[in-house]
């Protein structure tokens, strides 16, 4: 398969597209296009070629398609797809910091409308990355699989292009050092 991969990425545009997908799993078509700077038709041609050869896979998510490299590391595409969404990423970072919070506290903490926060929370709950707990008549939300989430944030830190992720990881790394 490596020989076929070398042939598939022999062209510079294809190499740049594949490398961008491999280094930034879960990006959607337009974001890949922004990062590599190719015209839509050329992008579609090279993406279709890489898919046909089995080097990348496409996962549909609503109106977006997210792309992942097939070779190398296996990435939890559901989690990565969620973390690629800025509002979901902000909720996740908030919950990593606070451990547990009510919907109202999350909404206020990330400065996002209550209904929008609730919409994104439902996606996190449905995928199992957030669980609800009840205490004293209130519903609290807690991150599930924190280590997995943190691992993806650290590993793909630079691919998010997000100062909030950088700040969180910097703070987290400082707390680990004696």
N, C-alpha and C. Protein backbone atom coordinates (compact mmCIF):
# COMPACT_ATOMS: atom_id res chain seq x y z
N UNK A 1 0.82 -1.19 0.00
CA UNK A 1 0.00 0.00 0.00
C UNK A 1 0.87 1.26 0.00
N UNK A 2 2.03 1.22 0.63
CA UNK A 2 2.90 2.38 0.68
C UNK A 2 3.33 2.79 -0.73
N UNK A 3 3.65 1.80 -1.58
CA UNK A 3 4.05 2.12 -2.96
C UNK A 3 2.91 2.84 -3.67
N UNK A 4 1.69 2.37 -3.49
CA UNK A 4 0.54 3.02 -4.12
C UNK A 4 0.35 4.42 -3.55
N UNK A 5 0.59 4.58 -2.27
CA UNK A 5 0.46 5.90 -1.65
C UNK A 5 1.49 6.86 -2.23
N UNK A 6 2.72 6.39 -2.41
CA UNK A 6 3.77 7.23 -2.99
C UNK A 6 3.39 7.66 -4.40
N UNK A 7 2.80 6.74 -5.16
CA UNK A 7 2.35 7.09 -6.51
C UNK A 7 1.20 8.08 -6.45
N UNK A 8 0.29 7.89 -5.50
CA UNK A 8 -0.89 8.73 -5.40
C UNK A 8 -0.54 10.17 -5.03
N UNK A 9 0.49 10.36 -4.25
CA UNK A 9 0.85 11.70 -3.80
C UNK A 9 2.06 12.25 -4.54
N UNK A 10 2.40 11.64 -5.67
CA UNK A 10 3.57 12.08 -6.44
C UNK A 10 3.41 13.50 -6.95
N UNK A 11 2.20 13.91 -7.24
CA UNK A 11 1.96 15.28 -7.67
C UNK A 11 1.96 16.21 -6.46
N UNK A 12 2.56 17.34 -6.61
CA UNK A 12 2.65 18.28 -5.49
C UNK A 12 1.28 18.65 -4.92
N UNK A 13 0.28 19.00 -5.74
CA UNK A 13 -1.03 19.34 -5.16
C UNK A 13 -1.63 18.19 -4.35
N UNK A 14 -1.51 16.98 -4.88
CA UNK A 14 -2.07 15.82 -4.19
C UNK A 14 -1.33 15.58 -2.88
N UNK A 15 -0.02 15.75 -2.91
CA UNK A 15 0.80 15.60 -1.70
C UNK A 15 0.39 16.61 -0.64
N UNK A 16 0.20 17.85 -1.04
CA UNK A 16 -0.21 18.89 -0.09
C UNK A 16 -1.58 18.59 0.49
N UNK A 17 -2.50 18.15 -0.33
CA UNK A 17 -3.85 17.83 0.14
C UNK A 17 -3.81 16.65 1.10
N UNK A 18 -3.11 15.58 0.71
CA UNK A 18 -3.02 14.41 1.59
C UNK A 18 -2.34 14.76 2.91
N UNK A 19 -1.24 15.49 2.85
CA UNK A 19 -0.52 15.87 4.07
C UNK A 19 -1.39 16.72 4.98
N UNK A 20 -2.15 17.63 4.39
CA UNK A 20 -3.05 18.47 5.18
C UNK A 20 -4.10 17.62 5.89
N UNK A 21 -4.66 16.66 5.19
CA UNK A 21 -5.67 15.77 5.79
C UNK A 21 -5.03 14.90 6.87
N UNK A 22 -3.86 14.34 6.60
CA UNK A 22 -3.19 13.47 7.58
C UNK A 22 -2.82 14.23 8.85
N UNK A 23 -2.38 15.47 8.70
CA UNK A 23 -1.96 16.26 9.86
C UNK A 23 -3.12 16.95 10.57
N UNK A 24 -4.26 17.03 9.89
CA UNK A 24 -5.43 17.73 10.43
C UNK A 24 -6.68 16.91 10.22
N UNK A 25 -6.78 15.72 10.81
CA UNK A 25 -7.93 14.87 10.55
C UNK A 25 -9.24 15.57 10.92
N UNK A 26 -10.25 15.33 10.08
CA UNK A 26 -11.57 15.86 10.37
C UNK A 26 -11.87 17.21 9.76
N UNK A 27 -10.95 17.75 8.95
CA UNK A 27 -11.24 19.03 8.30
C UNK A 27 -12.29 18.81 7.22
N UNK A 28 -13.10 19.83 6.97
CA UNK A 28 -14.06 19.73 5.88
C UNK A 28 -13.43 20.30 4.61
N UNK A 29 -14.09 20.07 3.49
CA UNK A 29 -13.55 20.38 2.17
C UNK A 29 -13.07 21.83 2.07
N UNK A 30 -13.90 22.77 2.46
CA UNK A 30 -13.54 24.19 2.31
C UNK A 30 -12.34 24.58 3.18
N UNK A 31 -12.23 23.98 4.35
CA UNK A 31 -11.08 24.30 5.21
C UNK A 31 -9.79 23.73 4.61
N UNK A 32 -9.86 22.53 4.04
CA UNK A 32 -8.69 21.98 3.36
C UNK A 32 -8.33 22.91 2.19
N UNK A 33 -9.33 23.33 1.45
CA UNK A 33 -9.11 24.22 0.31
C UNK A 33 -8.45 25.52 0.75
N UNK A 34 -8.92 26.11 1.86
CA UNK A 34 -8.31 27.35 2.37
C UNK A 34 -6.85 27.12 2.74
N UNK A 35 -6.55 25.98 3.33
CA UNK A 35 -5.19 25.73 3.80
C UNK A 35 -4.21 25.43 2.67
N UNK A 36 -4.68 24.80 1.60
CA UNK A 36 -3.76 24.47 0.51
C UNK A 36 -3.82 25.49 -0.63
N UNK A 37 -4.91 26.24 -0.73
CA UNK A 37 -5.00 27.30 -1.72
C UNK A 37 -5.26 26.87 -3.15
N UNK A 38 -5.96 25.76 -3.35
CA UNK A 38 -6.25 25.29 -4.70
C UNK A 38 -7.70 25.59 -5.09
N UNK A 39 -7.94 25.69 -6.37
CA UNK A 39 -9.28 25.92 -6.90
C UNK A 39 -10.19 24.73 -6.58
N UNK A 40 -11.48 24.99 -6.53
CA UNK A 40 -12.45 23.97 -6.15
C UNK A 40 -12.38 22.74 -7.06
N UNK A 41 -12.31 22.95 -8.37
CA UNK A 41 -12.27 21.83 -9.31
C UNK A 41 -11.03 20.96 -9.12
N UNK A 42 -9.89 21.60 -8.95
CA UNK A 42 -8.64 20.85 -8.72
C UNK A 42 -8.71 20.09 -7.40
N UNK A 43 -9.24 20.74 -6.38
CA UNK A 43 -9.38 20.08 -5.07
C UNK A 43 -10.25 18.84 -5.20
N UNK A 44 -11.40 19.01 -5.84
CA UNK A 44 -12.34 17.89 -5.97
C UNK A 44 -11.70 16.73 -6.74
N UNK A 45 -10.96 17.05 -7.80
CA UNK A 45 -10.29 16.02 -8.60
C UNK A 45 -9.30 15.23 -7.73
N UNK A 46 -8.44 15.93 -6.99
CA UNK A 46 -7.42 15.26 -6.19
C UNK A 46 -8.03 14.51 -5.00
N UNK A 47 -9.04 15.08 -4.38
CA UNK A 47 -9.73 14.39 -3.27
C UNK A 47 -10.38 13.11 -3.80
N UNK A 48 -11.06 13.21 -4.93
CA UNK A 48 -11.70 12.02 -5.52
C UNK A 48 -10.65 10.95 -5.84
N UNK A 49 -9.52 11.36 -6.37
CA UNK A 49 -8.45 10.42 -6.68
C UNK A 49 -7.94 9.72 -5.42
N UNK A 50 -7.68 10.50 -4.37
CA UNK A 50 -7.19 9.93 -3.11
C UNK A 50 -8.22 9.00 -2.48
N UNK A 51 -9.50 9.34 -2.59
CA UNK A 51 -10.56 8.46 -2.08
C UNK A 51 -10.62 7.18 -2.89
N UNK A 52 -10.58 7.30 -4.21
CA UNK A 52 -10.66 6.14 -5.11
C UNK A 52 -9.52 5.17 -4.83
N UNK A 53 -8.34 5.69 -4.55
CA UNK A 53 -7.17 4.85 -4.28
C UNK A 53 -7.15 4.33 -2.83
N UNK A 54 -8.11 4.77 -2.02
CA UNK A 54 -8.22 4.26 -0.65
C UNK A 54 -7.26 4.90 0.34
N UNK A 55 -6.76 6.09 0.05
CA UNK A 55 -5.81 6.75 0.94
C UNK A 55 -6.49 7.69 1.93
N UNK A 56 -7.67 8.17 1.57
CA UNK A 56 -8.44 9.00 2.49
C UNK A 56 -9.87 8.48 2.51
N UNK A 57 -10.56 8.82 3.57
CA UNK A 57 -11.98 8.47 3.62
C UNK A 57 -12.78 9.73 3.94
N UNK A 58 -13.99 9.73 3.49
CA UNK A 58 -14.88 10.87 3.68
C UNK A 58 -16.03 10.45 4.58
N UNK A 59 -16.35 11.28 5.54
CA UNK A 59 -17.50 11.03 6.41
C UNK A 59 -18.42 12.23 6.31
N UNK A 60 -19.65 11.95 5.94
CA UNK A 60 -20.65 13.01 5.81
C UNK A 60 -21.16 13.37 7.20
N UNK A 61 -21.28 14.67 7.43
CA UNK A 61 -21.80 15.17 8.70
C UNK A 61 -22.67 16.37 8.38
N UNK A 62 -23.98 16.12 8.28
CA UNK A 62 -24.88 17.20 7.89
C UNK A 62 -24.53 17.69 6.50
N UNK A 63 -24.29 19.00 6.38
CA UNK A 63 -23.95 19.56 5.07
C UNK A 63 -22.45 19.51 4.78
N UNK A 64 -21.67 19.03 5.74
CA UNK A 64 -20.23 18.97 5.58
C UNK A 64 -19.77 17.53 5.34
N UNK A 65 -18.64 17.42 4.66
CA UNK A 65 -17.92 16.16 4.57
C UNK A 65 -16.60 16.38 5.27
N UNK A 66 -16.24 15.47 6.15
CA UNK A 66 -14.96 15.55 6.84
C UNK A 66 -14.06 14.45 6.29
N UNK A 67 -12.76 14.75 6.23
CA UNK A 67 -11.83 13.83 5.59
C UNK A 67 -10.77 13.34 6.58
N UNK A 68 -10.41 12.06 6.42
CA UNK A 68 -9.44 11.41 7.30
C UNK A 68 -8.50 10.56 6.44
N UNK A 69 -7.23 10.54 6.82
CA UNK A 69 -6.27 9.66 6.16
C UNK A 69 -6.53 8.23 6.62
N UNK A 70 -6.44 7.29 5.71
CA UNK A 70 -6.68 5.88 6.05
C UNK A 70 -5.44 5.26 6.68
N UNK A 71 -4.27 5.56 6.14
CA UNK A 71 -3.02 4.99 6.65
C UNK A 71 -2.62 5.66 7.96
N UNK A 72 -1.81 4.98 8.73
CA UNK A 72 -1.29 5.58 9.96
C UNK A 72 -2.24 5.43 11.12
N UNK A 73 -2.30 6.44 11.93
CA UNK A 73 -3.08 6.39 13.15
C UNK A 73 -4.57 6.40 12.88
N UNK A 74 -5.25 5.67 13.71
CA UNK A 74 -6.70 5.67 13.66
C UNK A 74 -7.21 6.76 14.60
N UNK A 75 -8.01 7.65 14.08
CA UNK A 75 -8.53 8.76 14.86
C UNK A 75 -10.01 8.52 15.09
N UNK A 76 -10.49 8.80 16.28
CA UNK A 76 -11.91 8.70 16.57
C UNK A 76 -12.60 9.81 15.78
N UNK A 77 -13.18 9.45 14.64
CA UNK A 77 -13.72 10.47 13.74
C UNK A 77 -14.93 11.18 14.32
N UNK A 78 -15.72 10.51 15.15
CA UNK A 78 -16.87 11.20 15.77
C UNK A 78 -16.38 12.29 16.72
N UNK A 79 -15.42 11.95 17.55
CA UNK A 79 -14.89 12.93 18.49
C UNK A 79 -14.16 14.04 17.74
N UNK A 80 -13.34 13.70 16.77
CA UNK A 80 -12.60 14.72 16.04
C UNK A 80 -13.55 15.62 15.27
N UNK A 81 -14.58 15.05 14.69
CA UNK A 81 -15.58 15.85 13.98
C UNK A 81 -16.24 16.86 14.91
N UNK A 82 -16.51 16.44 16.14
CA UNK A 82 -17.09 17.36 17.12
C UNK A 82 -16.09 18.44 17.54
N UNK A 83 -14.85 18.03 17.79
CA UNK A 83 -13.84 19.00 18.22
C UNK A 83 -13.50 20.01 17.12
N UNK A 84 -13.76 19.68 15.88
CA UNK A 84 -13.54 20.63 14.78
C UNK A 84 -14.56 21.76 14.78
N UNK A 85 -15.66 21.58 15.52
CA UNK A 85 -16.68 22.61 15.61
C UNK A 85 -16.33 23.55 16.77
N UNK A 86 -16.17 24.82 16.48
CA UNK A 86 -15.68 25.77 17.48
C UNK A 86 -16.53 25.78 18.76
N UNK A 87 -17.85 25.83 18.62
CA UNK A 87 -18.72 25.90 19.82
C UNK A 87 -18.58 24.64 20.66
N UNK A 88 -18.54 23.49 20.02
CA UNK A 88 -18.38 22.23 20.75
C UNK A 88 -17.02 22.18 21.44
N UNK A 89 -16.00 22.66 20.75
CA UNK A 89 -14.65 22.69 21.33
C UNK A 89 -14.62 23.61 22.56
N UNK A 90 -15.30 24.74 22.48
CA UNK A 90 -15.35 25.66 23.63
C UNK A 90 -16.08 25.02 24.81
N UNK A 91 -17.16 24.32 24.54
CA UNK A 91 -17.89 23.60 25.60
C UNK A 91 -16.99 22.55 26.22
N UNK A 92 -16.30 21.80 25.39
CA UNK A 92 -15.41 20.73 25.87
C UNK A 92 -14.31 21.30 26.75
N UNK A 93 -13.68 22.37 26.31
CA UNK A 93 -12.61 22.98 27.11
C UNK A 93 -13.16 23.53 28.42
N UNK A 94 -14.34 24.10 28.39
CA UNK A 94 -14.98 24.62 29.60
C UNK A 94 -15.20 23.48 30.59
N UNK A 95 -15.74 22.35 30.11
CA UNK A 95 -16.00 21.22 30.99
C UNK A 95 -14.71 20.56 31.49
N UNK A 96 -13.66 20.60 30.69
CA UNK A 96 -12.38 20.06 31.16
C UNK A 96 -11.86 20.91 32.32
N UNK A 97 -12.09 22.20 32.24
CA UNK A 97 -11.63 23.11 33.27
C UNK A 97 -12.50 23.03 34.53
N UNK A 98 -13.81 22.98 34.37
CA UNK A 98 -14.74 23.04 35.51
C UNK A 98 -15.13 21.68 36.06
N UNK A 99 -14.83 20.62 35.36
CA UNK A 99 -15.17 19.24 35.75
C UNK A 99 -16.65 18.92 35.54
N UNK A 100 -17.55 19.77 36.07
CA UNK A 100 -18.99 19.59 35.84
C UNK A 100 -19.65 20.96 35.90
N UNK A 101 -20.76 21.09 35.17
CA UNK A 101 -21.45 22.38 35.14
C UNK A 101 -22.87 22.19 34.64
N UNK A 102 -23.74 23.14 35.00
CA UNK A 102 -25.10 23.15 34.49
C UNK A 102 -25.09 23.75 33.09
N UNK A 103 -26.17 23.56 32.38
CA UNK A 103 -26.28 24.12 31.04
C UNK A 103 -26.17 25.65 31.09
N UNK A 104 -26.79 26.25 32.08
CA UNK A 104 -26.74 27.71 32.22
C UNK A 104 -25.32 28.19 32.47
N UNK A 105 -24.58 27.49 33.31
CA UNK A 105 -23.20 27.88 33.61
C UNK A 105 -22.30 27.74 32.37
N UNK A 106 -22.53 26.68 31.61
CA UNK A 106 -21.75 26.48 30.38
C UNK A 106 -22.06 27.61 29.40
N UNK A 107 -23.34 27.87 29.20
CA UNK A 107 -23.77 28.91 28.28
C UNK A 107 -23.16 30.27 28.64
N UNK A 108 -23.23 30.61 29.91
CA UNK A 108 -22.66 31.88 30.37
C UNK A 108 -21.14 31.87 30.27
N UNK A 109 -20.52 30.76 30.63
CA UNK A 109 -19.06 30.65 30.64
C UNK A 109 -18.41 30.75 29.27
N UNK A 110 -19.12 30.31 28.24
CA UNK A 110 -18.54 30.38 26.90
C UNK A 110 -19.20 31.46 26.05
N UNK A 111 -20.11 32.20 26.66
CA UNK A 111 -20.78 33.32 25.99
C UNK A 111 -21.50 32.88 24.72
N UNK A 112 -22.35 31.87 24.90
CA UNK A 112 -23.13 31.33 23.80
C UNK A 112 -24.57 31.20 24.27
N UNK A 113 -25.51 31.44 23.40
CA UNK A 113 -26.92 31.36 23.77
C UNK A 113 -27.29 30.02 24.39
N UNK A 114 -28.27 30.05 25.29
CA UNK A 114 -28.69 28.84 26.00
C UNK A 114 -29.19 27.75 25.04
N UNK A 115 -30.00 28.12 24.06
CA UNK A 115 -30.53 27.10 23.14
C UNK A 115 -29.42 26.54 22.24
N UNK A 116 -28.50 27.41 21.82
CA UNK A 116 -27.37 26.94 20.99
C UNK A 116 -26.47 26.01 21.80
N UNK A 117 -26.22 26.38 23.05
CA UNK A 117 -25.42 25.53 23.93
C UNK A 117 -26.11 24.18 24.12
N UNK A 118 -27.42 24.22 24.34
CA UNK A 118 -28.19 22.99 24.50
C UNK A 118 -28.13 22.11 23.26
N UNK A 119 -28.20 22.72 22.09
CA UNK A 119 -28.10 21.99 20.82
C UNK A 119 -26.77 21.24 20.73
N UNK A 120 -25.68 21.94 21.04
CA UNK A 120 -24.36 21.31 20.97
C UNK A 120 -24.18 20.27 22.08
N UNK A 121 -24.75 20.52 23.23
CA UNK A 121 -24.66 19.54 24.33
C UNK A 121 -25.34 18.23 23.94
N UNK A 122 -26.45 18.32 23.22
CA UNK A 122 -27.15 17.11 22.79
C UNK A 122 -26.27 16.26 21.87
N UNK A 123 -25.49 16.91 21.01
CA UNK A 123 -24.57 16.16 20.15
C UNK A 123 -23.53 15.44 20.99
N UNK A 124 -23.01 16.12 22.00
CA UNK A 124 -21.99 15.51 22.86
C UNK A 124 -22.58 14.38 23.69
N UNK A 125 -23.81 14.54 24.14
CA UNK A 125 -24.48 13.49 24.93
C UNK A 125 -24.77 12.28 24.05
N UNK A 126 -25.30 12.51 22.85
CA UNK A 126 -25.65 11.41 21.94
C UNK A 126 -24.44 10.57 21.56
N UNK A 127 -23.28 11.18 21.47
CA UNK A 127 -22.08 10.43 21.12
C UNK A 127 -21.42 9.82 22.35
N UNK A 128 -21.90 10.16 23.53
CA UNK A 128 -21.35 9.59 24.76
C UNK A 128 -20.15 10.31 25.33
N UNK A 129 -19.79 11.45 24.78
CA UNK A 129 -18.62 12.18 25.26
C UNK A 129 -18.96 13.09 26.45
N UNK A 130 -20.25 13.30 26.68
CA UNK A 130 -20.72 14.03 27.86
C UNK A 130 -21.85 13.21 28.47
N UNK A 131 -21.88 13.17 29.79
CA UNK A 131 -22.96 12.49 30.50
C UNK A 131 -23.65 13.47 31.44
N UNK A 132 -24.91 13.21 31.69
CA UNK A 132 -25.69 14.03 32.63
C UNK A 132 -25.67 13.37 34.00
N UNK A 133 -25.51 14.18 35.03
CA UNK A 133 -25.65 13.71 36.40
C UNK A 133 -26.60 14.66 37.12
N UNK A 134 -27.32 14.11 38.09
CA UNK A 134 -28.27 14.94 38.83
C UNK A 134 -27.80 15.06 40.27
N UNK A 135 -27.91 16.26 40.79
CA UNK A 135 -27.55 16.53 42.18
C UNK A 135 -28.40 17.68 42.68
N UNK A 136 -29.10 17.45 43.77
CA UNK A 136 -29.95 18.47 44.40
C UNK A 136 -30.93 19.10 43.41
N UNK A 137 -31.51 18.28 42.58
CA UNK A 137 -32.52 18.75 41.64
C UNK A 137 -31.98 19.47 40.42
N UNK A 138 -30.68 19.53 40.27
CA UNK A 138 -30.08 20.17 39.11
C UNK A 138 -29.42 19.13 38.22
N UNK A 139 -29.36 19.42 36.94
CA UNK A 139 -28.67 18.55 35.99
C UNK A 139 -27.30 19.16 35.71
N UNK A 140 -26.29 18.33 35.92
CA UNK A 140 -24.91 18.74 35.64
C UNK A 140 -24.39 17.91 34.48
N UNK A 141 -23.48 18.51 33.74
CA UNK A 141 -22.86 17.83 32.61
C UNK A 141 -21.40 17.59 32.92
N UNK A 142 -20.96 16.36 32.60
CA UNK A 142 -19.59 15.94 32.89
C UNK A 142 -19.00 15.30 31.63
N UNK A 143 -17.74 15.62 31.34
CA UNK A 143 -17.07 15.00 30.21
C UNK A 143 -16.78 13.54 30.50
N UNK A 144 -16.99 12.72 29.51
CA UNK A 144 -16.65 11.31 29.57
C UNK A 144 -15.41 11.13 28.67
N UNK A 145 -14.53 10.24 29.02
CA UNK A 145 -13.33 9.97 28.22
C UNK A 145 -12.42 11.21 28.11
N UNK A 146 -12.17 11.86 29.24
CA UNK A 146 -11.34 13.07 29.25
C UNK A 146 -9.95 12.82 28.69
N UNK A 147 -9.36 11.68 29.01
CA UNK A 147 -8.01 11.39 28.54
C UNK A 147 -7.96 11.31 27.01
N UNK A 148 -8.98 10.68 26.43
CA UNK A 148 -9.04 10.57 24.98
C UNK A 148 -9.18 11.95 24.33
N UNK A 149 -10.05 12.77 24.91
CA UNK A 149 -10.26 14.12 24.39
C UNK A 149 -8.99 14.94 24.52
N UNK A 150 -8.38 14.89 25.69
CA UNK A 150 -7.15 15.64 25.92
C UNK A 150 -6.05 15.17 24.98
N UNK A 151 -5.96 13.87 24.75
CA UNK A 151 -4.96 13.33 23.84
C UNK A 151 -5.10 13.89 22.43
N UNK A 152 -6.34 13.97 21.94
CA UNK A 152 -6.56 14.53 20.61
C UNK A 152 -6.25 16.03 20.57
N UNK A 153 -6.64 16.74 21.63
CA UNK A 153 -6.36 18.17 21.68
C UNK A 153 -4.85 18.44 21.67
N UNK A 154 -4.12 17.65 22.44
CA UNK A 154 -2.67 17.84 22.51
C UNK A 154 -2.02 17.43 21.18
N UNK A 155 -2.39 16.26 20.67
CA UNK A 155 -1.78 15.75 19.44
C UNK A 155 -2.02 16.66 18.24
N UNK A 156 -3.23 17.19 18.12
CA UNK A 156 -3.58 18.00 16.96
C UNK A 156 -3.75 19.48 17.33
N UNK A 157 -3.11 19.89 18.37
CA UNK A 157 -3.18 21.26 18.90
C UNK A 157 -3.04 22.32 17.81
N UNK A 158 -2.04 22.21 16.99
CA UNK A 158 -1.76 23.24 15.98
C UNK A 158 -2.75 23.20 14.82
N UNK A 159 -3.45 22.11 14.66
CA UNK A 159 -4.39 22.02 13.55
C UNK A 159 -5.69 22.76 13.85
N UNK A 160 -5.96 23.06 15.11
CA UNK A 160 -7.21 23.74 15.45
C UNK A 160 -7.16 25.24 15.18
N UNK A 161 -5.95 25.81 15.11
CA UNK A 161 -5.80 27.25 14.89
C UNK A 161 -6.67 28.03 15.87
N UNK A 162 -6.58 27.64 17.13
CA UNK A 162 -7.45 28.18 18.16
C UNK A 162 -6.61 28.56 19.38
N UNK A 163 -6.61 29.84 19.72
CA UNK A 163 -5.84 30.30 20.88
C UNK A 163 -6.37 29.70 22.18
N UNK A 164 -7.67 29.41 22.24
CA UNK A 164 -8.25 28.83 23.44
C UNK A 164 -7.66 27.44 23.70
N UNK A 165 -7.49 26.65 22.65
CA UNK A 165 -6.87 25.33 22.80
C UNK A 165 -5.43 25.49 23.25
N UNK A 166 -4.69 26.40 22.61
CA UNK A 166 -3.30 26.64 22.98
C UNK A 166 -3.18 27.05 24.45
N UNK A 167 -4.00 27.97 24.89
CA UNK A 167 -3.96 28.44 26.28
C UNK A 167 -4.28 27.32 27.26
N UNK A 168 -5.30 26.53 26.93
CA UNK A 168 -5.69 25.43 27.80
C UNK A 168 -4.56 24.41 27.94
N UNK A 169 -3.96 24.03 26.82
CA UNK A 169 -2.89 23.03 26.85
C UNK A 169 -1.66 23.57 27.55
N UNK A 170 -1.32 24.84 27.32
CA UNK A 170 -0.19 25.45 28.03
C UNK A 170 -0.42 25.39 29.54
N UNK A 171 -1.61 25.73 29.99
CA UNK A 171 -1.94 25.70 31.41
C UNK A 171 -1.90 24.27 31.93
N UNK A 172 -2.44 23.34 31.19
CA UNK A 172 -2.47 21.94 31.59
C UNK A 172 -1.05 21.40 31.71
N UNK A 173 -0.17 21.72 30.76
CA UNK A 173 1.21 21.25 30.80
C UNK A 173 1.97 21.86 31.99
N UNK A 174 1.70 23.12 32.33
CA UNK A 174 2.35 23.76 33.49
C UNK A 174 1.95 23.07 34.78
N UNK A 175 0.70 22.65 34.88
CA UNK A 175 0.24 21.96 36.10
C UNK A 175 0.89 20.60 36.26
N UNK A 176 1.29 19.97 35.17
CA UNK A 176 1.93 18.66 35.24
C UNK A 176 3.37 18.73 35.69
N UNK A 177 4.03 19.87 35.39
CA UNK A 177 5.45 20.00 35.74
C UNK A 177 5.59 20.37 37.21
N UNK A 178 6.57 19.73 37.93
CA UNK A 178 6.73 20.03 39.35
C UNK A 178 7.32 21.40 39.60
